[in-house]
Amino acid sequence: MSKNIKFIWDFRGPNAKKTAEHHELHLKDFLKVNTLDGYKTGVEIVSDYHHIAFLVVQESEMKDLRDRLKPHRGQIYS
C-alpha cells in the first residue's frame, strides 16, 4: 500500500488566510493543466497569523511533483 505525502506551503502574517486560499487556486490550476485527478488540496488554520495550503500526493509521485512545485515542507498524510 502506497503512503500519501502532504506537501505544505506556509503563509504568515495578517493576510495569511487569503494568501493560502489564493495559493490553493494555483495548486488546483496546476492539477487541471497537467490533467492530474483525484488529488486533495486545502487550506488549514494553524493560528490567526499562520495558515497553510496543502496538496496530498502518493509517495510514488512525490519526487517529481516536489521538484516541480517546491513545497516549503512535507509530512506523511494519513
C-alpha atoms as a PDB file:
ATOM      1  CA  MET A   1       0.000   0.000   0.000  1.00  0.00           C
ATOM      2  CA  SER A   2       1.360   3.384  -1.013  1.00  0.00           C
ATOM      3  CA  LYS A   3       1.855   6.143   1.531  1.00  0.00           C
ATOM      4  CA  ASN A   4       0.441   9.590   0.968  1.00  0.00           C
ATOM      5  CA  ILE A   5       2.565  12.695   1.398  1.00  0.00           C
ATOM      6  CA  LYS A   6       1.158  16.110   2.298  1.00  0.00           C
ATOM      7  CA  PHE A   7       3.033  18.985   0.638  1.00  0.00           C
ATOM      8  CA  ILE A   8       2.730  22.138   2.733  1.00  0.00           C
ATOM      9  CA  TRP A   9       3.176  25.811   1.932  1.00  0.00           C
ATOM     10  CA  ASP A  10       3.276  28.108   4.987  1.00  0.00           C
ATOM     11  CA  PHE A  11       1.898  31.649   4.966  1.00  0.00           C
ATOM     12  CA  ARG A  12       2.249  34.011   7.903  1.00  0.00           C
ATOM     13  CA  GLY A  13       1.000  37.478   8.736  1.00  0.00           C
ATOM     14  CA  PRO A  14      -2.300  39.352   8.729  1.00  0.00           C
ATOM     15  CA  ASN A  15      -3.057  38.258   5.137  1.00  0.00           C
ATOM     16  CA  ALA A  16      -2.035  34.624   5.609  1.00  0.00           C
ATOM     17  CA  LYS A  17      -5.534  33.224   5.123  1.00  0.00           C
ATOM     18  CA  LYS A  18      -6.168  34.989   1.819  1.00  0.00           C
ATOM     19  CA  THR A  19      -2.672  34.160   0.565  1.00  0.00           C
ATOM     20  CA  ALA A  20      -3.104  30.464   1.408  1.00  0.00           C
ATOM     21  CA  GLU A  21      -6.512  30.405  -0.306  1.00  0.00           C
ATOM     22  CA  HIS A  22      -5.008  32.054  -3.379  1.00  0.00           C
ATOM     23  CA  HIS A  23      -2.142  29.545  -3.427  1.00  0.00           C
ATOM     24  CA  GLU A  24      -4.660  26.703  -3.317  1.00  0.00           C
ATOM     25  CA  LEU A  25      -6.208  28.104  -6.514  1.00  0.00           C
ATOM     26  CA  HIS A  26      -2.794  27.867  -8.172  1.00  0.00           C
ATOM     27  CA  LEU A  27      -2.444  24.264  -6.988  1.00  0.00           C
ATOM     28  CA  LYS A  28      -5.854  23.401  -8.464  1.00  0.00           C
ATOM     29  CA  ASP A  29      -4.893  25.098 -11.733  1.00  0.00           C
ATOM     30  CA  PHE A  30      -1.648  23.086 -11.827  1.00  0.00           C
ATOM     31  CA  LEU A  31      -3.585  19.856 -11.361  1.00  0.00           C
ATOM     32  CA  LYS A  32      -6.055  20.807 -14.108  1.00  0.00           C
ATOM     33  CA  VAL A  33      -3.393  21.884 -16.621  1.00  0.00           C
ATOM     34  CA  ASN A  34      -1.447  18.664 -16.025  1.00  0.00           C
ATOM     35  CA  THR A  35      -4.627  16.511 -16.090  1.00  0.00           C
ATOM     36  CA  LEU A  36      -3.982  15.149 -12.612  1.00  0.00           C
ATOM     37  CA  ASP A  37      -7.196  13.922 -10.991  1.00  0.00           C
ATOM     38  CA  GLY A  38      -8.036  12.699  -7.514  1.00  0.00           C
ATOM     39  CA  TYR A  39      -5.687  14.906  -5.522  1.00  0.00           C
ATOM     40  CA  LYS A  40      -6.736  16.566  -2.285  1.00  0.00           C
ATOM     41  CA  THR A  41      -5.961  20.250  -1.745  1.00  0.00           C
ATOM     42  CA  GLY A  42      -6.955  22.564   1.053  1.00  0.00           C
ATOM     43  CA  VAL A  43      -6.226  25.362   3.458  1.00  0.00           C
ATOM     44  CA  GLU A  44      -5.769  24.901   7.202  1.00  0.00           C
ATOM     45  CA  ILE A  45      -5.566  27.361  10.071  1.00  0.00           C
ATOM     46  CA  VAL A  46      -2.525  26.940  12.308  1.00  0.00           C
ATOM     47  CA  SER A  47      -3.154  30.210  14.181  1.00  0.00           C
ATOM     48  CA  ASP A  48      -4.629  33.638  13.445  1.00  0.00           C
ATOM     49  CA  TYR A  49      -1.418  34.654  11.665  1.00  0.00           C
ATOM     50  CA  HIS A  50      -0.329  31.293  10.222  1.00  0.00           C
ATOM     51  CA  HIS A  51      -2.245  29.394   7.540  1.00  0.00           C
ATOM     52  CA  ILE A  52      -1.139  26.629   5.226  1.00  0.00           C
ATOM     53  CA  ALA A  53      -2.092  25.498   1.743  1.00  0.00           C
ATOM     54  CA  PHE A  54      -1.568  21.805   1.053  1.00  0.00           C
ATOM     55  CA  LEU A  55      -1.621  19.138  -1.617  1.00  0.00           C
ATOM     56  CA  VAL A  56      -1.738  15.402  -0.871  1.00  0.00           C
ATOM     57  CA  VAL A  57       0.164  13.157  -3.313  1.00  0.00           C
ATOM     58  CA  GLN A  58       1.112   9.498  -3.459  1.00  0.00           C
ATOM     59  CA  GLU A  59       4.629   8.619  -2.359  1.00  0.00           C
ATOM     60  CA  SER A  60       5.428   7.213  -5.819  1.00  0.00           C
ATOM     61  CA  GLU A  61       4.793  10.663  -7.375  1.00  0.00           C
ATOM     62  CA  MET A  62       6.387  12.658  -4.580  1.00  0.00           C
ATOM     63  CA  LYS A  63       9.821  13.367  -6.089  1.00  0.00           C
ATOM     64  CA  ASP A  64       8.568  14.602  -9.455  1.00  0.00           C
ATOM     65  CA  LEU A  65       5.842  16.812  -8.004  1.00  0.00           C
ATOM     66  CA  ARG A  66       8.096  18.073  -5.198  1.00  0.00           C
ATOM     67  CA  ASP A  67      10.689  19.218  -7.731  1.00  0.00           C
ATOM     68  CA  ARG A  68       8.039  20.932  -9.851  1.00  0.00           C
ATOM     69  CA  LEU A  69       6.014  22.573  -7.069  1.00  0.00           C
ATOM     70  CA  LYS A  70       8.706  23.345  -4.459  1.00  0.00           C
ATOM     71  CA  PRO A  71       6.663  22.984  -1.243  1.00  0.00           C
ATOM     72  CA  HIS A  72       8.057  24.514   1.928  1.00  0.00           C
ATOM     73  CA  ARG A  73       7.831  21.181   3.718  1.00  0.00           C
ATOM     74  CA  GLY A  74       6.051  17.838   3.721  1.00  0.00           C
ATOM     75  CA  GLN A  75       4.795  15.138   6.046  1.00  0.00           C
ATOM     76  CA  ILE A  76       3.235  11.718   5.892  1.00  0.00           C
ATOM     77  CA  TYR A  77      -0.541  12.033   5.477  1.00  0.00           C
ATOM     78  CA  SER A  78      -2.967   9.560   6.956  1.00  0.00           C
END
